[in-house]
Amino acid sequence: MKGIRAFLAKHKVINVIVCVICVWLIMLCVDFYRVDSMESAPICCMEMKNGSGHYVGLGYSFDIVENPGSGNKEYALYVFGQPVKNNFTNEI
């Protein structure tokens, strides 16, 4: 009986960890879609108070700036501090 309880308890912990990772991935994907499609600001992130266009989420962040030449919004995505994707251009 002890072996079955330990087995089920171990799987509960694994299930909780998998669910937390899935929720985090969904939040990241929703925010990335909103930023990439230039729809609006990410919804699962908080903007830093200085109004710099730096948004911070749980383990990920976005830097969003407007290109002064073209007027297009450009962004960079960081996951755990490492750059993952950006669409910055060098045009003026």
N, C-alpha and C. Protein backbone atom coordinates (compact mmCIF):
# COMPACT_ATOMS: atom_id res chain seq x y z
N MET A 1 0.81 -1.20 0.00
CA MET A 1 0.00 0.00 0.00
C MET A 1 0.85 1.26 0.00
N LYS A 2 1.98 1.22 0.73
CA LYS A 2 2.84 2.39 0.79
C LYS A 2 3.42 2.71 -0.58
N GLY A 3 3.73 1.69 -1.35
CA GLY A 3 4.30 1.89 -2.67
C GLY A 3 3.31 2.58 -3.61
N ILE A 4 2.04 2.22 -3.53
CA ILE A 4 1.01 2.83 -4.39
C ILE A 4 0.81 4.29 -4.01
N ARG A 5 0.76 4.59 -2.72
CA ARG A 5 0.59 5.98 -2.29
C ARG A 5 1.77 6.85 -2.71
N ALA A 6 2.96 6.32 -2.57
CA ALA A 6 4.15 7.07 -2.99
C ALA A 6 4.13 7.29 -4.50
N PHE A 7 3.72 6.27 -5.24
CA PHE A 7 3.63 6.38 -6.70
C PHE A 7 2.63 7.45 -7.10
N LEU A 8 1.44 7.46 -6.48
CA LEU A 8 0.42 8.46 -6.81
C LEU A 8 0.85 9.85 -6.38
N ALA A 9 1.50 9.96 -5.21
CA ALA A 9 1.96 11.27 -4.76
C ALA A 9 3.03 11.80 -5.71
N LYS A 10 3.90 10.95 -6.18
CA LYS A 10 4.94 11.37 -7.12
C LYS A 10 4.31 11.87 -8.42
N HIS A 11 3.29 11.20 -8.90
CA HIS A 11 2.62 11.62 -10.13
C HIS A 11 1.84 12.91 -9.95
N LYS A 12 1.32 13.16 -8.76
CA LYS A 12 0.62 14.43 -8.51
C LYS A 12 1.60 15.59 -8.63
N VAL A 13 2.78 15.42 -8.09
CA VAL A 13 3.80 16.47 -8.17
C VAL A 13 4.19 16.70 -9.63
N ILE A 14 4.38 15.63 -10.37
CA ILE A 14 4.73 15.74 -11.78
C ILE A 14 3.61 16.42 -12.56
N ASN A 15 2.36 16.06 -12.28
CA ASN A 15 1.22 16.67 -12.95
C ASN A 15 1.13 18.17 -12.66
N VAL A 16 1.38 18.56 -11.43
CA VAL A 16 1.36 19.97 -11.07
C VAL A 16 2.46 20.72 -11.81
N ILE A 17 3.65 20.15 -11.86
CA ILE A 17 4.76 20.79 -12.56
C ILE A 17 4.45 20.94 -14.05
N VAL A 18 3.90 19.91 -14.67
CA VAL A 18 3.53 19.97 -16.08
C VAL A 18 2.46 21.03 -16.32
N CYS A 19 1.47 21.11 -15.44
CA CYS A 19 0.41 22.12 -15.59
C CYS A 19 0.97 23.54 -15.47
N VAL A 20 1.89 23.76 -14.52
CA VAL A 20 2.48 25.08 -14.35
C VAL A 20 3.28 25.46 -15.60
N ILE A 21 4.04 24.53 -16.14
CA ILE A 21 4.82 24.81 -17.35
C ILE A 21 3.89 25.10 -18.53
N CYS A 22 2.79 24.37 -18.65
CA CYS A 22 1.83 24.61 -19.74
C CYS A 22 1.19 25.99 -19.62
N VAL A 23 0.81 26.39 -18.42
CA VAL A 23 0.22 27.72 -18.22
C VAL A 23 1.25 28.80 -18.57
N TRP A 24 2.51 28.61 -18.17
CA TRP A 24 3.56 29.58 -18.49
C TRP A 24 3.76 29.69 -19.99
N LEU A 25 3.76 28.55 -20.69
CA LEU A 25 3.93 28.57 -22.14
C LEU A 25 2.75 29.26 -22.83
N ILE A 26 1.55 29.06 -22.33
CA ILE A 26 0.37 29.72 -22.90
C ILE A 26 0.48 31.23 -22.71
N MET A 27 0.90 31.67 -21.52
CA MET A 27 1.06 33.11 -21.28
C MET A 27 2.11 33.69 -22.22
N LEU A 28 3.22 33.00 -22.38
CA LEU A 28 4.29 33.46 -23.27
C LEU A 28 3.79 33.54 -24.72
N CYS A 29 3.07 32.52 -25.17
CA CYS A 29 2.57 32.50 -26.55
C CYS A 29 1.54 33.61 -26.79
N VAL A 30 0.65 33.84 -25.84
CA VAL A 30 -0.35 34.90 -25.99
C VAL A 30 0.34 36.26 -26.08
N ASP A 31 1.27 36.51 -25.20
CA ASP A 31 1.98 37.79 -25.23
C ASP A 31 2.81 37.94 -26.50
N PHE A 32 3.48 36.87 -26.93
CA PHE A 32 4.28 36.95 -28.14
C PHE A 32 3.39 37.23 -29.35
N TYR A 33 2.23 36.59 -29.43
CA TYR A 33 1.32 36.84 -30.54
C TYR A 33 0.87 38.30 -30.56
N ARG A 34 0.52 38.83 -29.39
CA ARG A 34 0.05 40.21 -29.33
C ARG A 34 1.15 41.19 -29.73
N VAL A 35 2.38 40.93 -29.32
CA VAL A 35 3.48 41.83 -29.66
C VAL A 35 3.89 41.64 -31.11
N ASP A 36 3.98 40.40 -31.57
CA ASP A 36 4.43 40.13 -32.94
C ASP A 36 3.44 40.66 -33.98
N SER A 37 2.16 40.57 -33.70
CA SER A 37 1.16 41.07 -34.65
C SER A 37 0.93 42.57 -34.49
N MET A 38 1.65 43.19 -33.56
CA MET A 38 1.55 44.62 -33.28
C MET A 38 0.13 45.03 -32.90
N GLU A 39 -0.60 44.05 -32.34
CA GLU A 39 -1.97 44.30 -31.91
C GLU A 39 -2.00 45.29 -30.76
N SER A 40 -1.28 44.97 -29.72
CA SER A 40 -1.21 45.86 -28.55
C SER A 40 -0.15 45.33 -27.59
N ALA A 41 -0.11 45.90 -26.44
CA ALA A 41 0.88 45.51 -25.43
C ALA A 41 0.56 44.10 -24.90
N PRO A 42 1.56 43.41 -24.40
CA PRO A 42 1.32 42.09 -23.81
C PRO A 42 0.42 42.20 -22.58
N ILE A 43 -0.43 41.18 -22.39
CA ILE A 43 -1.39 41.26 -21.28
C ILE A 43 -0.90 40.55 -20.01
N CYS A 44 0.06 39.65 -20.13
CA CYS A 44 0.56 38.92 -18.96
C CYS A 44 1.87 39.51 -18.44
N CYS A 45 2.20 40.70 -18.88
CA CYS A 45 3.43 41.37 -18.46
C CYS A 45 3.09 42.70 -17.80
N MET A 46 4.02 43.19 -17.01
CA MET A 46 3.88 44.51 -16.40
C MET A 46 4.87 45.44 -17.06
N GLU A 47 4.42 46.66 -17.40
CA GLU A 47 5.32 47.65 -17.98
C GLU A 47 6.13 48.30 -16.87
N MET A 48 7.39 48.52 -17.13
CA MET A 48 8.23 49.20 -16.16
C MET A 48 7.76 50.65 -16.03
N LYS A 49 7.91 51.24 -14.88
CA LYS A 49 7.32 52.55 -14.58
C LYS A 49 7.91 53.70 -15.37
N ASN A 50 9.10 53.55 -15.93
CA ASN A 50 9.71 54.68 -16.61
C ASN A 50 9.17 54.89 -18.02
N GLY A 51 8.24 54.07 -18.47
CA GLY A 51 7.62 54.24 -19.78
C GLY A 51 8.56 53.95 -20.94
N SER A 52 9.55 53.10 -20.71
CA SER A 52 10.55 52.82 -21.73
C SER A 52 10.11 51.79 -22.76
N GLY A 53 8.96 51.17 -22.58
CA GLY A 53 8.54 50.10 -23.47
C GLY A 53 9.13 48.76 -23.09
N HIS A 54 9.58 48.63 -21.85
CA HIS A 54 10.13 47.38 -21.35
C HIS A 54 9.05 46.69 -20.52
N TYR A 55 8.62 45.51 -20.98
CA TYR A 55 7.57 44.75 -20.30
C TYR A 55 8.18 43.49 -19.70
N VAL A 56 7.84 43.19 -18.45
CA VAL A 56 8.42 42.05 -17.74
C VAL A 56 7.32 41.08 -17.36
N GLY A 57 7.50 39.81 -17.73
CA GLY A 57 6.58 38.75 -17.36
C GLY A 57 7.29 37.76 -16.44
N LEU A 58 6.71 36.60 -16.25
CA LEU A 58 7.30 35.57 -15.39
C LEU A 58 8.36 34.80 -16.18
N GLY A 59 9.59 35.24 -16.11
CA GLY A 59 10.68 34.56 -16.78
C GLY A 59 10.93 35.03 -18.20
N TYR A 60 10.17 35.99 -18.66
CA TYR A 60 10.38 36.53 -19.99
C TYR A 60 10.10 38.02 -20.00
N SER A 61 10.62 38.71 -21.01
CA SER A 61 10.39 40.15 -21.11
C SER A 61 10.44 40.58 -22.57
N PHE A 62 9.87 41.74 -22.83
CA PHE A 62 9.86 42.34 -24.16
C PHE A 62 10.40 43.75 -24.07
N ASP A 63 11.17 44.15 -25.07
CA ASP A 63 11.53 45.54 -25.27
C ASP A 63 10.83 45.97 -26.55
N ILE A 64 9.93 46.95 -26.45
CA ILE A 64 9.16 47.41 -27.60
C ILE A 64 9.49 48.87 -27.82
N VAL A 65 9.95 49.19 -29.03
CA VAL A 65 10.28 50.57 -29.38
C VAL A 65 9.68 50.88 -30.75
N GLU A 66 9.49 52.16 -31.01
CA GLU A 66 9.01 52.59 -32.31
C GLU A 66 10.19 53.08 -33.13
N ASN A 67 10.31 52.57 -34.35
CA ASN A 67 11.38 52.98 -35.24
C ASN A 67 11.13 54.41 -35.67
N PRO A 68 12.08 55.33 -35.44
CA PRO A 68 11.84 56.73 -35.78
C PRO A 68 11.73 56.98 -37.27
N GLY A 69 12.35 56.15 -38.10
CA GLY A 69 12.29 56.35 -39.54
C GLY A 69 11.00 55.86 -40.16
N SER A 70 10.66 54.61 -39.87
CA SER A 70 9.48 54.01 -40.51
C SER A 70 8.22 54.14 -39.66
N GLY A 71 8.37 54.35 -38.38
CA GLY A 71 7.20 54.44 -37.50
C GLY A 71 6.67 53.08 -37.08
N ASN A 72 7.29 51.99 -37.54
CA ASN A 72 6.87 50.64 -37.16
C ASN A 72 7.35 50.31 -35.75
N LYS A 73 6.56 49.50 -35.06
CA LYS A 73 6.98 49.03 -33.74
C LYS A 73 7.91 47.84 -33.92
N GLU A 74 9.00 47.85 -33.17
CA GLU A 74 9.97 46.77 -33.20
C GLU A 74 10.11 46.22 -31.79
N TYR A 75 10.45 44.95 -31.68
CA TYR A 75 10.49 44.33 -30.36
C TYR A 75 11.66 43.35 -30.26
N ALA A 76 12.00 43.03 -29.04
CA ALA A 76 12.95 41.96 -28.72
C ALA A 76 12.34 41.13 -27.59
N LEU A 77 12.43 39.82 -27.72
CA LEU A 77 11.91 38.90 -26.71
C LEU A 77 13.09 38.26 -25.99
N TYR A 78 13.04 38.26 -24.66
CA TYR A 78 14.06 37.64 -23.83
C TYR A 78 13.39 36.59 -22.94
N VAL A 79 13.97 35.39 -22.88
CA VAL A 79 13.48 34.35 -21.98
C VAL A 79 14.60 34.04 -21.00
N PHE A 80 14.31 34.23 -19.72
CA PHE A 80 15.28 34.08 -18.64
C PHE A 80 16.54 34.89 -18.92
N GLY A 81 16.35 36.09 -19.45
CA GLY A 81 17.44 37.03 -19.68
C GLY A 81 18.21 36.82 -20.97
N GLN A 82 17.90 35.77 -21.70
CA GLN A 82 18.62 35.48 -22.95
C GLN A 82 17.78 35.95 -24.14
N PRO A 83 18.39 36.66 -25.09
CA PRO A 83 17.63 37.10 -26.26
C PRO A 83 17.20 35.90 -27.10
N VAL A 84 15.92 35.89 -27.47
CA VAL A 84 15.37 34.78 -28.24
C VAL A 84 15.00 35.23 -29.65
N LYS A 85 14.31 36.36 -29.76
CA LYS A 85 13.87 36.84 -31.07
C LYS A 85 13.78 38.35 -31.03
N ASN A 86 14.14 38.98 -32.16
CA ASN A 86 13.90 40.41 -32.29
C ASN A 86 13.70 40.74 -33.75
N ASN A 87 13.05 41.84 -33.99
CA ASN A 87 12.83 42.29 -35.37
C ASN A 87 13.35 43.71 -35.56
N PHE A 88 14.40 44.07 -34.83
CA PHE A 88 14.99 45.39 -34.96
C PHE A 88 15.65 45.52 -36.33
N THR A 89 15.49 46.69 -36.94
CA THR A 89 16.14 46.97 -38.21
C THR A 89 17.10 48.14 -38.03
N ASN A 90 17.96 48.34 -39.00
CA ASN A 90 18.92 49.43 -38.93
C ASN A 90 18.50 50.63 -39.77
N GLU A 91 17.30 50.59 -40.30
CA GLU A 91 16.88 51.72 -41.16
C GLU A 91 16.53 52.94 -40.32
N ILE A 92 16.76 54.08 -40.91
CA ILE A 92 16.48 55.35 -40.21
C ILE A 92 15.39 56.10 -40.91
